């Protein structure tokens, strides 16, 4: 899978979560601070960084196949618009609370 295909697939999974077609389960971490690991019912792993029990940013995403592209590349030349949008993603409305379990 190319980086662009990965970004498209990750956004498709996030949209399925938004529509209620896919569920998420907290598997590791504390929603109050730090990295919070979720597993989707489709096998994706999504790690969200929490700051004071609020969704801050997506830290990493791993596809069910184990494929992963760095969302925070070491060099600007390895960054892409899709990766910037992916790490900046926030669930719409109150879904960070109702679906993901954050308090704020």
PDB file of N, CA and C in Angstrom:
ATOM      1  N   UNK A   1       0.853  -1.172   0.000  1.00  0.00           N
ATOM      2  CA  UNK A   1       0.000   0.000   0.000  1.00  0.00           C
ATOM      3  C   UNK A   1       0.901   1.238   0.000  1.00  0.00           C
ATOM      4  N   UNK A   2       0.598   2.188  -0.858  1.00  0.00           N
ATOM      5  CA  UNK A   2       1.359   3.436  -0.884  1.00  0.00           C
ATOM      6  C   UNK A   2       0.922   4.323   0.279  1.00  0.00           C
ATOM      7  N   UNK A   3       1.679   5.365   0.523  1.00  0.00           N
ATOM      8  CA  UNK A   3       1.316   6.305   1.582  1.00  0.00           C
ATOM      9  C   UNK A   3      -0.044   6.930   1.317  1.00  0.00           C
ATOM     10  N   UNK A   4      -0.303   7.324   0.064  1.00  0.00           N
ATOM     11  CA  UNK A   4      -1.597   7.926  -0.266  1.00  0.00           C
ATOM     12  C   UNK A   4      -2.739   6.933  -0.101  1.00  0.00           C
ATOM     13  N   UNK A   5      -2.518   5.687  -0.481  1.00  0.00           N
ATOM     14  CA  UNK A   5      -3.545   4.651  -0.289  1.00  0.00           C
ATOM     15  C   UNK A   5      -3.796   4.421   1.201  1.00  0.00           C
ATOM     16  N   UNK A   6      -2.731   4.457   1.995  1.00  0.00           N
ATOM     17  CA  UNK A   6      -2.862   4.300   3.433  1.00  0.00           C
ATOM     18  C   UNK A   6      -3.700   5.433   4.020  1.00  0.00           C
ATOM     19  N   UNK A   7      -3.410   6.663   3.637  1.00  0.00           N
ATOM     20  CA  UNK A   7      -4.169   7.817   4.134  1.00  0.00           C
ATOM     21  C   UNK A   7      -5.639   7.671   3.760  1.00  0.00           C
ATOM     22  N   UNK A   8      -5.919   7.309   2.504  1.00  0.00           N
ATOM     23  CA  UNK A   8      -7.305   7.128   2.065  1.00  0.00           C
ATOM     24  C   UNK A   8      -8.004   6.033   2.867  1.00  0.00           C
ATOM     25  N   UNK A   9      -7.326   4.917   3.095  1.00  0.00           N
ATOM     26  CA  UNK A   9      -7.912   3.804   3.842  1.00  0.00           C
ATOM     27  C   UNK A   9      -8.140   4.193   5.304  1.00  0.00           C
ATOM     28  N   UNK A  10      -7.204   4.931   5.896  1.00  0.00           N
ATOM     29  CA  UNK A  10      -7.356   5.366   7.284  1.00  0.00           C
ATOM     30  C   UNK A  10      -8.540   6.323   7.424  1.00  0.00           C
ATOM     31  N   UNK A  11      -8.672   7.266   6.492  1.00  0.00           N
ATOM     32  CA  UNK A  11      -9.813   8.172   6.539  1.00  0.00           C
ATOM     33  C   UNK A  11     -11.120   7.429   6.316  1.00  0.00           C
ATOM     34  N   UNK A  12     -11.110   6.429   5.459  1.00  0.00           N
ATOM     35  CA  UNK A  12     -12.316   5.625   5.239  1.00  0.00           C
ATOM     36  C   UNK A  12     -12.721   4.926   6.540  1.00  0.00           C
ATOM     37  N   UNK A  13     -11.742   4.417   7.284  1.00  0.00           N
ATOM     38  CA  UNK A  13     -12.043   3.768   8.568  1.00  0.00           C
ATOM     39  C   UNK A  13     -12.595   4.780   9.568  1.00  0.00           C
ATOM     40  N   UNK A  14     -12.008   5.964   9.628  1.00  0.00           N
ATOM     41  CA  UNK A  14     -12.504   7.002  10.533  1.00  0.00           C
ATOM     42  C   UNK A  14     -13.938   7.399  10.171  1.00  0.00           C
ATOM     43  N   UNK A  15     -14.239   7.479   8.891  1.00  0.00           N
ATOM     44  CA  UNK A  15     -15.611   7.826   8.457  1.00  0.00           C
ATOM     45  C   UNK A  15     -16.596   6.715   8.816  1.00  0.00           C
ATOM     46  N   UNK A  16     -16.163   5.447   8.708  1.00  0.00           N
ATOM     47  CA  UNK A  16     -17.032   4.336   9.115  1.00  0.00           C
ATOM     48  C   UNK A  16     -17.321   4.407  10.615  1.00  0.00           C
ATOM     49  N   UNK A  17     -16.331   4.806  11.392  1.00  0.00           N
ATOM     50  CA  UNK A  17     -16.544   4.989  12.838  1.00  0.00           C
ATOM     51  C   UNK A  17     -17.564   6.092  13.066  1.00  0.00           C
ATOM     52  N   UNK A  18     -17.408   7.203  12.369  1.00  0.00           N
ATOM     53  CA  UNK A  18     -18.337   8.328  12.507  1.00  0.00           C
ATOM     54  C   UNK A  18     -19.778   7.912  12.199  1.00  0.00           C
ATOM     55  N   UNK A  19     -19.951   7.057  11.191  1.00  0.00           N
ATOM     56  CA  UNK A  19     -21.294   6.624  10.772  1.00  0.00           C
ATOM     57  C   UNK A  19     -21.834   5.484  11.630  1.00  0.00           C
ATOM     58  N   UNK A  20     -21.036   4.973  12.549  1.00  0.00           N
ATOM     59  CA  UNK A  20     -21.474   3.891  13.406  1.00  0.00           C
ATOM     60  C   UNK A  20     -21.384   2.518  12.773  1.00  0.00           C
ATOM     61  N   UNK A  21     -20.689   2.413  11.642  1.00  0.00           N
ATOM     62  CA  UNK A  21     -20.534   1.137  10.953  1.00  0.00           C
ATOM     63  C   UNK A  21     -19.423   0.290  11.572  1.00  0.00           C
ATOM     64  N   UNK A  22     -18.530   0.941  12.312  1.00  0.00           N
ATOM     65  CA  UNK A  22     -17.381   0.297  12.937  1.00  0.00           C
ATOM     66  C   UNK A  22     -17.312   0.794  14.378  1.00  0.00           C
ATOM     67  N   UNK A  23     -16.946  -0.092  15.296  1.00  0.00           N
ATOM     68  CA  UNK A  23     -16.809   0.304  16.693  1.00  0.00           C
ATOM     69  C   UNK A  23     -15.339   0.427  17.068  1.00  0.00           C
ATOM     70  N   UNK A  24     -15.094   1.131  18.173  1.00  0.00           N
ATOM     71  CA  UNK A  24     -13.745   1.248  18.713  1.00  0.00           C
ATOM     72  C   UNK A  24     -13.755   0.789  20.163  1.00  0.00           C
ATOM     73  N   UNK A  25     -12.630   0.197  20.558  1.00  0.00           N
ATOM     74  CA  UNK A  25     -12.478  -0.260  21.931  1.00  0.00           C
ATOM     75  C   UNK A  25     -11.147   0.239  22.466  1.00  0.00           C
ATOM     76  N   UNK A  26     -11.181   0.844  23.638  1.00  0.00           N
ATOM     77  CA  UNK A  26      -9.950   1.273  24.288  1.00  0.00           C
ATOM     78  C   UNK A  26      -9.203   0.031  24.739  1.00  0.00           C
ATOM     79  N   UNK A  27      -7.957  -0.103  24.317  1.00  0.00           N
ATOM     80  CA  UNK A  27      -7.185  -1.296  24.673  1.00  0.00           C
ATOM     81  C   UNK A  27      -5.987  -0.988  25.572  1.00  0.00           C
ATOM     82  N   UNK A  28      -5.566   0.271  25.603  1.00  0.00           N
ATOM     83  CA  UNK A  28      -4.412   0.628  26.431  1.00  0.00           C
ATOM     84  C   UNK A  28      -4.351   2.130  26.589  1.00  0.00           C
ATOM     85  N   UNK A  29      -3.932   2.576  27.753  1.00  0.00           N
ATOM     86  CA  UNK A  29      -3.723   4.001  27.968  1.00  0.00           C
ATOM     87  C   UNK A  29      -4.761   4.598  28.901  1.00  0.00           C
ATOM     88  N   UNK A  30      -4.554   5.860  29.211  1.00  0.00           N
ATOM     89  CA  UNK A  30      -5.401   6.599  30.131  1.00  0.00           C
ATOM     90  C   UNK A  30      -5.924   7.830  29.400  1.00  0.00           C
ATOM     91  N   UNK A  31      -7.245   7.963  29.323  1.00  0.00           N
ATOM     92  CA  UNK A  31      -7.814   9.092  28.580  1.00  0.00           C
ATOM     93  C   UNK A  31      -7.462  10.436  29.208  1.00  0.00           C
ATOM     94  N   UNK A  32      -6.914  10.430  30.403  1.00  0.00           N
ATOM     95  CA  UNK A  32      -6.575  11.691  31.054  1.00  0.00           C
ATOM     96  C   UNK A  32      -5.320  12.335  30.485  1.00  0.00           C
ATOM     97  N   UNK A  33      -4.363  11.526  30.051  1.00  0.00           N
ATOM     98  CA  UNK A  33      -3.150  12.111  29.468  1.00  0.00           C
ATOM     99  C   UNK A  33      -2.309  11.036  28.785  1.00  0.00           C
ATOM    100  N   UNK A  34      -1.704  11.410  27.691  1.00  0.00           N
ATOM    101  CA  UNK A  34      -0.777  10.518  26.994  1.00  0.00           C
ATOM    102  C   UNK A  34      -1.408   9.768  25.843  1.00  0.00           C
ATOM    103  N   UNK A  35      -0.731   8.718  25.428  1.00  0.00           N
ATOM    104  CA  UNK A  35      -1.161   7.923  24.277  1.00  0.00           C
ATOM    105  C   UNK A  35      -2.246   6.932  24.687  1.00  0.00           C
ATOM    106  N   UNK A  36      -3.366   6.989  23.958  1.00  0.00           N
ATOM    107  CA  UNK A  36      -4.504   6.123  24.220  1.00  0.00           C
ATOM    108  C   UNK A  36      -4.701   5.243  22.985  1.00  0.00           C
ATOM    109  N   UNK A  37      -4.609   3.928  23.170  1.00  0.00           N
ATOM    110  CA  UNK A  37      -4.659   2.977  22.065  1.00  0.00           C
ATOM    111  C   UNK A  37      -6.075   2.427  21.917  1.00  0.00           C
ATOM    112  N   UNK A  38      -6.576   2.470  20.688  1.00  0.00           N
ATOM    113  CA  UNK A  38      -7.893   1.921  20.366  1.00  0.00           C
ATOM    114  C   UNK A  38      -7.740   0.866  19.280  1.00  0.00           C
ATOM    115  N   UNK A  39      -8.627  -0.105  19.318  1.00  0.00           N
ATOM    116  CA  UNK A  39      -8.713  -1.124  18.265  1.00  0.00           C
ATOM    117  C   UNK A  39     -10.098  -1.006  17.655  1.00  0.00           C
ATOM    118  N   UNK A  40     -10.171  -0.955  16.317  1.00  0.00           N
ATOM    119  CA  UNK A  40     -11.477  -0.913  15.685  1.00  0.00           C
ATOM    120  C   UNK A  40     -11.962  -2.333  15.423  1.00  0.00           C
ATOM    121  N   UNK A  41     -13.260  -2.456  15.203  1.00  0.00           N
ATOM    122  CA  UNK A  41     -13.822  -3.781  14.930  1.00  0.00           C
ATOM    123  C   UNK A  41     -13.349  -4.332  13.589  1.00  0.00           C
ATOM    124  N   UNK A  42     -12.721  -3.487  12.766  1.00  0.00           N
ATOM    125  CA  UNK A  42     -12.125  -3.928  11.505  1.00  0.00           C
ATOM    126  C   UNK A  42     -10.638  -4.244  11.637  1.00  0.00           C
ATOM    127  N   UNK A  43     -10.076  -4.086  12.850  1.00  0.00           N
ATOM    128  CA  UNK A  43      -8.684  -4.454  13.065  1.00  0.00           C
ATOM    129  C   UNK A  43      -7.668  -3.329  12.975  1.00  0.00           C
ATOM    130  N   UNK A  44      -8.093  -2.103  12.776  1.00  0.00           N
ATOM    131  CA  UNK A  44      -7.165  -0.971  12.767  1.00  0.00           C
ATOM    132  C   UNK A  44      -6.783  -0.621  14.198  1.00  0.00           C
ATOM    133  N   UNK A  45      -5.571  -0.161  14.398  1.00  0.00           N
ATOM    134  CA  UNK A  45      -5.140   0.375  15.687  1.00  0.00           C
ATOM    135  C   UNK A  45      -4.936   1.874  15.506  1.00  0.00           C
ATOM    136  N   UNK A  46      -5.612   2.639  16.343  1.00  0.00           N
ATOM    137  CA  UNK A  46      -5.531   4.101  16.274  1.00  0.00           C
ATOM    138  C   UNK A  46      -5.066   4.583  17.638  1.00  0.00           C
ATOM    139  N   UNK A  47      -3.964   5.329  17.646  1.00  0.00           N
ATOM    140  CA  UNK A  47      -3.415   5.855  18.893  1.00  0.00           C
ATOM    141  C   UNK A  47      -3.649   7.361  18.897  1.00  0.00           C
ATOM    142  N   UNK A  48      -4.389   7.808  19.909  1.00  0.00           N
ATOM    143  CA  UNK A  48      -4.734   9.219  20.060  1.00  0.00           C
ATOM    144  C   UNK A  48      -3.960   9.773  21.245  1.00  0.00           C
ATOM    145  N   UNK A  49      -3.427  10.981  21.091  1.00  0.00           N
ATOM    146  CA  UNK A  49      -2.770  11.625  22.227  1.00  0.00           C
ATOM    147  C   UNK A  49      -3.809  12.462  22.956  1.00  0.00           C
ATOM    148  N   UNK A  50      -3.931  12.200  24.248  1.00  0.00           N
ATOM    149  CA  UNK A  50      -4.882  12.916  25.097  1.00  0.00           C
ATOM    150  C   UNK A  50      -4.143  13.967  25.908  1.00  0.00           C
ATOM    151  N   UNK A  51      -4.764  15.112  26.015  1.00  0.00           N
ATOM    152  CA  UNK A  51      -4.203  16.183  26.837  1.00  0.00           C
ATOM    153  C   UNK A  51      -5.304  16.647  27.787  1.00  0.00           C
ATOM    154  N   UNK A  52      -5.221  16.230  29.045  1.00  0.00           N
ATOM    155  CA  UNK A  52      -6.223  16.635  30.025  1.00  0.00           C
ATOM    156  C   UNK A  52      -7.598  16.089  29.708  1.00  0.00           C
ATOM    157  N   UNK A  53      -7.693  14.831  29.366  1.00  0.00           N
ATOM    158  CA  UNK A  53      -8.888  14.073  29.008  1.00  0.00           C
ATOM    159  C   UNK A  53      -9.590  14.604  27.757  1.00  0.00           C
ATOM    160  N   UNK A  54      -8.857  15.317  26.913  1.00  0.00           N
ATOM    161  CA  UNK A  54      -9.399  15.824  25.649  1.00  0.00           C
ATOM    162  C   UNK A  54      -8.558  15.291  24.488  1.00  0.00           C
ATOM    163  N   UNK A  55      -9.222  14.963  23.397  1.00  0.00           N
ATOM    164  CA  UNK A  55      -8.556  14.518  22.167  1.00  0.00           C
ATOM    165  C   UNK A  55      -7.638  15.633  21.708  1.00  0.00           C
ATOM    166  N   UNK A  56      -6.356  15.333  21.556  1.00  0.00           N
ATOM    167  CA  UNK A  56      -5.413  16.341  21.074  1.00  0.00           C
ATOM    168  C   UNK A  56      -5.076  16.092  19.603  1.00  0.00           C
ATOM    169  N   UNK A  57      -4.544  14.893  19.284  1.00  0.00           N
ATOM    170  CA  UNK A  57      -4.198  14.576  17.896  1.00  0.00           C
ATOM    171  C   UNK A  57      -4.036  13.068  17.752  1.00  0.00           C
ATOM    172  N   UNK A  58      -4.052  12.607  16.512  1.00  0.00           N
ATOM    173  CA  UNK A  58      -3.762  11.201  16.244  1.00  0.00           C
ATOM    174  C   UNK A  58      -2.250  11.042  16.216  1.00  0.00           C
ATOM    175  N   UNK A  59      -1.757  10.134  17.041  1.00  0.00           N
ATOM    176  CA  UNK A  59      -0.317   9.892  17.135  1.00  0.00           C
ATOM    177  C   UNK A  59       0.137   8.872  16.099  1.00  0.00           C
ATOM    178  N   UNK A  60      -0.652   7.809  15.917  1.00  0.00           N
ATOM    179  CA  UNK A  60      -0.289   6.799  14.926  1.00  0.00           C
ATOM    180  C   UNK A  60      -1.516   5.975  14.549  1.00  0.00           C
ATOM    181  N   UNK A  61      -1.428   5.365  13.390  1.00  0.00           N
ATOM    182  CA  UNK A  61      -2.473   4.464  12.905  1.00  0.00           C
ATOM    183  C   UNK A  61      -1.778   3.268  12.257  1.00  0.00           C
ATOM    184  N   UNK A  62      -2.296   2.081  12.560  1.00  0.00           N
ATOM    185  CA  UNK A  62      -1.770   0.864  11.966  1.00  0.00           C
ATOM    186  C   UNK A  62      -2.926   0.113  11.313  1.00  0.00           C
ATOM    187  N   UNK A  63      -2.732  -0.276  10.063  1.00  0.00           N
ATOM    188  CA  UNK A  63      -3.746  -1.028   9.325  1.00  0.00           C
ATOM    189  C   UNK A  63      -3.814  -2.458   9.864  1.00  0.00           C
ATOM    190  N   UNK A  64      -4.909  -3.169   9.590  1.00  0.00           N
ATOM    191  CA  UNK A  64      -5.020  -4.566  10.031  1.00  0.00           C
ATOM    192  C   UNK A  64      -3.892  -5.457   9.504  1.00  0.00           C
ATOM    193  N   UNK A  65      -3.297  -5.075   8.402  1.00  0.00           N
ATOM    194  CA  UNK A  65      -2.191  -5.837   7.812  1.00  0.00           C
ATOM    195  C   UNK A  65      -0.868  -5.589   8.522  1.00  0.00           C
ATOM    196  N   UNK A  66      -0.859  -4.612   9.447  1.00  0.00           N
ATOM    197  CA  UNK A  66       0.367  -4.238  10.149  1.00  0.00           C
ATOM    198  C   UNK A  66       1.085  -3.073   9.495  1.00  0.00           C
ATOM    199  N   UNK A  67       0.572  -2.632   8.343  1.00  0.00           N
ATOM    200  CA  UNK A  67       1.212  -1.503   7.655  1.00  0.00           C
ATOM    201  C   UNK A  67       1.002  -0.216   8.443  1.00  0.00           C
ATOM    202  N   UNK A  68       2.046   0.587   8.470  1.00  0.00           N
ATOM    203  CA  UNK A  68       2.002   1.855   9.178  1.00  0.00           C
ATOM    204  C   UNK A  68       2.960   2.822   8.493  1.00  0.00           C
ATOM    205  N   UNK A  69       2.519   4.049   8.353  1.00  0.00           N
ATOM    206  CA  UNK A  69       3.385   5.107   7.837  1.00  0.00           C
ATOM    207  C   UNK A  69       3.532   6.135   8.950  1.00  0.00           C
ATOM    208  N   UNK A  70       4.725   6.701   9.127  1.00  0.00           N
ATOM    209  CA  UNK A  70       4.891   7.680  10.202  1.00  0.00           C
ATOM    210  C   UNK A  70       4.036   8.922   9.956  1.00  0.00           C
ATOM    211  N   UNK A  71       3.198   9.252  10.928  1.00  0.00           N
ATOM    212  CA  UNK A  71       2.404  10.473  10.826  1.00  0.00           C
ATOM    213  C   UNK A  71       3.236  11.699  11.159  1.00  0.00           C
ATOM    214  N   UNK A  72       4.321  11.486  11.845  1.00  0.00           N
ATOM    215  CA  UNK A  72       5.217  12.567  12.262  1.00  0.00           C
ATOM    216  C   UNK A  72       6.613  12.277  11.710  1.00  0.00           C
ATOM    217  N   UNK A  73       6.838  12.491  10.410  1.00  0.00           N
ATOM    218  CA  UNK A  73       8.132  12.159   9.810  1.00  0.00           C
ATOM    219  C   UNK A  73       9.266  13.015  10.362  1.00  0.00           C
ATOM    220  N   UNK A  74      10.453  12.423  10.334  1.00  0.00           N
ATOM    221  CA  UNK A  74      11.641  13.117  10.828  1.00  0.00           C
ATOM    222  C   UNK A  74      12.064  14.272   9.926  1.00  0.00           C
ATOM    223  N   UNK A  75      11.749  14.160   8.649  1.00  0.00           N
ATOM    224  CA  UNK A  75      12.158  15.186   7.690  1.00  0.00           C
ATOM    225  C   UNK A  75      10.928  15.750   6.986  1.00  0.00           C
ATOM    226  N   UNK A  76      10.856  17.073   6.834  1.00  0.00           N
ATOM    227  CA  UNK A  76       9.710  17.684   6.156  1.00  0.00           C
ATOM    228  C   UNK A  76       9.466  17.129   4.746  1.00  0.00           C
ATOM    229  N   UNK A  77      10.518  16.708   4.086  1.00  0.00           N
ATOM    230  CA  UNK A  77      10.374  16.166   2.726  1.00  0.00           C
ATOM    231  C   UNK A  77       9.557  14.878   2.716  1.00  0.00           C
ATOM    232  N   UNK A  78       9.473  14.177   3.860  1.00  0.00           N
ATOM    233  CA  UNK A  78       8.726  12.927   3.940  1.00  0.00           C
ATOM    234  C   UNK A  78       7.285  13.136   4.403  1.00  0.00           C
ATOM    235  N   UNK A  79       6.907  14.396   4.635  1.00  0.00           N
ATOM    236  CA  UNK A  79       5.546  14.709   5.068  1.00  0.00           C
ATOM    237  C   UNK A  79       4.648  14.847   3.845  1.00  0.00           C
ATOM    238  N   UNK A  80       3.353  14.802   4.066  1.00  0.00           N
ATOM    239  CA  UNK A  80       2.411  15.000   2.970  1.00  0.00           C
ATOM    240  C   UNK A  80       1.168  15.683   3.511  1.00  0.00           C
ATOM    241  N   UNK A  81       0.415  16.282   2.612  1.00  0.00           N
ATOM    242  CA  UNK A  81      -0.823  16.950   3.004  1.00  0.00           C
ATOM    243  C   UNK A  81      -1.779  15.960   3.677  1.00  0.00           C
ATOM    244  N   UNK A  82      -1.828  14.738   3.151  1.00  0.00           N
ATOM    245  CA  UNK A  82      -2.701  13.718   3.725  1.00  0.00           C
ATOM    246  C   UNK A  82      -2.314  13.367   5.148  1.00  0.00           C
ATOM    247  N   UNK A  83      -1.021  13.263   5.419  1.00  0.00           N
ATOM    248  CA  UNK A  83      -0.559  12.944   6.762  1.00  0.00           C
ATOM    249  C   UNK A  83      -0.867  14.087   7.728  1.00  0.00           C
ATOM    250  N   UNK A  84      -0.713  15.328   7.262  1.00  0.00           N
ATOM    251  CA  UNK A  84      -1.047  16.484   8.098  1.00  0.00           C
ATOM    252  C   UNK A  84      -2.532  16.440   8.458  1.00  0.00           C
ATOM    253  N   UNK A  85      -3.384  16.175   7.480  1.00  0.00           N
ATOM    254  CA  UNK A  85      -4.827  16.102   7.740  1.00  0.00           C
ATOM    255  C   UNK A  85      -5.164  14.939   8.667  1.00  0.00           C
ATOM    256  N   UNK A  86      -4.484  13.828   8.500  1.00  0.00           N
ATOM    257  CA  UNK A  86      -4.760  12.654   9.324  1.00  0.00           C
ATOM    258  C   UNK A  86      -4.394  12.909  10.788  1.00  0.00           C
ATOM    259  N   UNK A  87      -3.212  13.441  11.038  1.00  0.00           N
ATOM    260  CA  UNK A  87      -2.834  13.670  12.431  1.00  0.00           C
ATOM    261  C   UNK A  87      -3.634  14.816  13.057  1.00  0.00           C
ATOM    262  N   UNK A  88      -4.231  15.673  12.230  1.00  0.00           N
ATOM    263  CA  UNK A  88      -5.044  16.786  12.725  1.00  0.00           C
ATOM    264  C   UNK A  88      -6.518  16.423  12.872  1.00  0.00           C
ATOM    265  N   UNK A  89      -6.889  15.221  12.472  1.00  0.00           N
ATOM    266  CA  UNK A  89      -8.292  14.797  12.513  1.00  0.00           C
ATOM    267  C   UNK A  89      -8.853  14.876  13.936  1.00  0.00           C
ATOM    268  N   UNK A  90     -10.085  15.353  14.036  1.00  0.00           N
ATOM    269  CA  UNK A  90     -10.857  15.321  15.277  1.00  0.00           C
ATOM    270  C   UNK A  90     -12.243  14.796  14.943  1.00  0.00           C
ATOM    271  N   UNK A  91     -12.799  13.941  15.789  1.00  0.00           N
ATOM    272  CA  UNK A  91     -14.153  13.452  15.530  1.00  0.00           C
ATOM    273  C   UNK A  91     -15.144  14.611  15.520  1.00  0.00           C
ATOM    274  N   UNK A  92     -16.185  14.510  14.694  1.00  0.00           N
ATOM    275  CA  UNK A  92     -17.167  15.597  14.631  1.00  0.00           C
ATOM    276  C   UNK A  92     -18.049  15.652  15.876  1.00  0.00           C
ATOM    277  N   UNK A  93     -18.535  16.852  16.163  1.00  0.00           N
ATOM    278  CA  UNK A  93     -19.486  17.041  17.258  1.00  0.00           C
ATOM    279  C   UNK A  93     -18.974  16.477  18.571  1.00  0.00           C
ATOM    280  N   UNK A  94     -19.842  15.749  19.254  1.00  0.00           N
ATOM    281  CA  UNK A  94     -19.486  15.194  20.557  1.00  0.00           C
ATOM    282  C   UNK A  94     -19.022  13.739  20.465  1.00  0.00           C
ATOM    283  N   UNK A  95     -18.638  13.275  19.265  1.00  0.00           N
ATOM    284  CA  UNK A  95     -18.221  11.878  19.103  1.00  0.00           C
ATOM    285  C   UNK A  95     -16.948  11.530  19.864  1.00  0.00           C
ATOM    286  N   UNK A  96     -16.102  12.519  20.157  1.00  0.00           N
ATOM    287  CA  UNK A  96     -14.912  12.193  20.951  1.00  0.00           C
ATOM    288  C   UNK A  96     -15.328  11.702  22.335  1.00  0.00           C
ATOM    289  N   UNK A  97     -16.513  12.126  22.789  1.00  0.00           N
ATOM    290  CA  UNK A  97     -17.048  11.670  24.069  1.00  0.00           C
ATOM    291  C   UNK A  97     -17.904  10.418  23.892  1.00  0.00           C
ATOM    292  N   UNK A  98     -18.865  10.476  22.969  1.00  0.00           N
ATOM    293  CA  UNK A  98     -19.838   9.382  22.851  1.00  0.00           C
ATOM    294  C   UNK A  98     -19.259   8.103  22.258  1.00  0.00           C
ATOM    295  N   UNK A  99     -18.300   8.210  21.361  1.00  0.00           N
ATOM    296  CA  UNK A  99     -17.729   7.033  20.715  1.00  0.00           C
ATOM    297  C   UNK A  99     -16.378   6.674  21.310  1.00  0.00           C
ATOM    298  N   UNK A 100     -15.524   7.668  21.504  1.00  0.00           N
ATOM    299  CA  UNK A 100     -14.140   7.419  21.908  1.00  0.00           C
ATOM    300  C   UNK A 100     -13.935   7.459  23.425  1.00  0.00           C
ATOM    301  N   UNK A 101     -14.898   7.988  24.177  1.00  0.00           N
ATOM    302  CA  UNK A 101     -14.833   7.962  25.630  1.00  0.00           C
ATOM    303  C   UNK A 101     -14.087   9.092  26.305  1.00  0.00           C
ATOM    304  N   UNK A 102     -13.691  10.110  25.532  1.00  0.00           N
ATOM    305  CA  UNK A 102     -13.028  11.252  26.164  1.00  0.00           C
ATOM    306  C   UNK A 102     -14.055  12.062  26.937  1.00  0.00           C
ATOM    307  N   UNK A 103     -13.605  12.768  27.954  1.00  0.00           N
ATOM    308  CA  UNK A 103     -14.518  13.529  28.794  1.00  0.00           C
ATOM    309  C   UNK A 103     -14.770  14.926  28.264  1.00  0.00           C
ATOM    310  N   UNK A 104     -13.835  15.435  27.471  1.00  0.00           N
ATOM    311  CA  UNK A 104     -13.990  16.804  26.953  1.00  0.00           C
ATOM    312  C   UNK A 104     -13.816  16.811  25.455  1.00  0.00           C
TER     313      UNK A 104
END
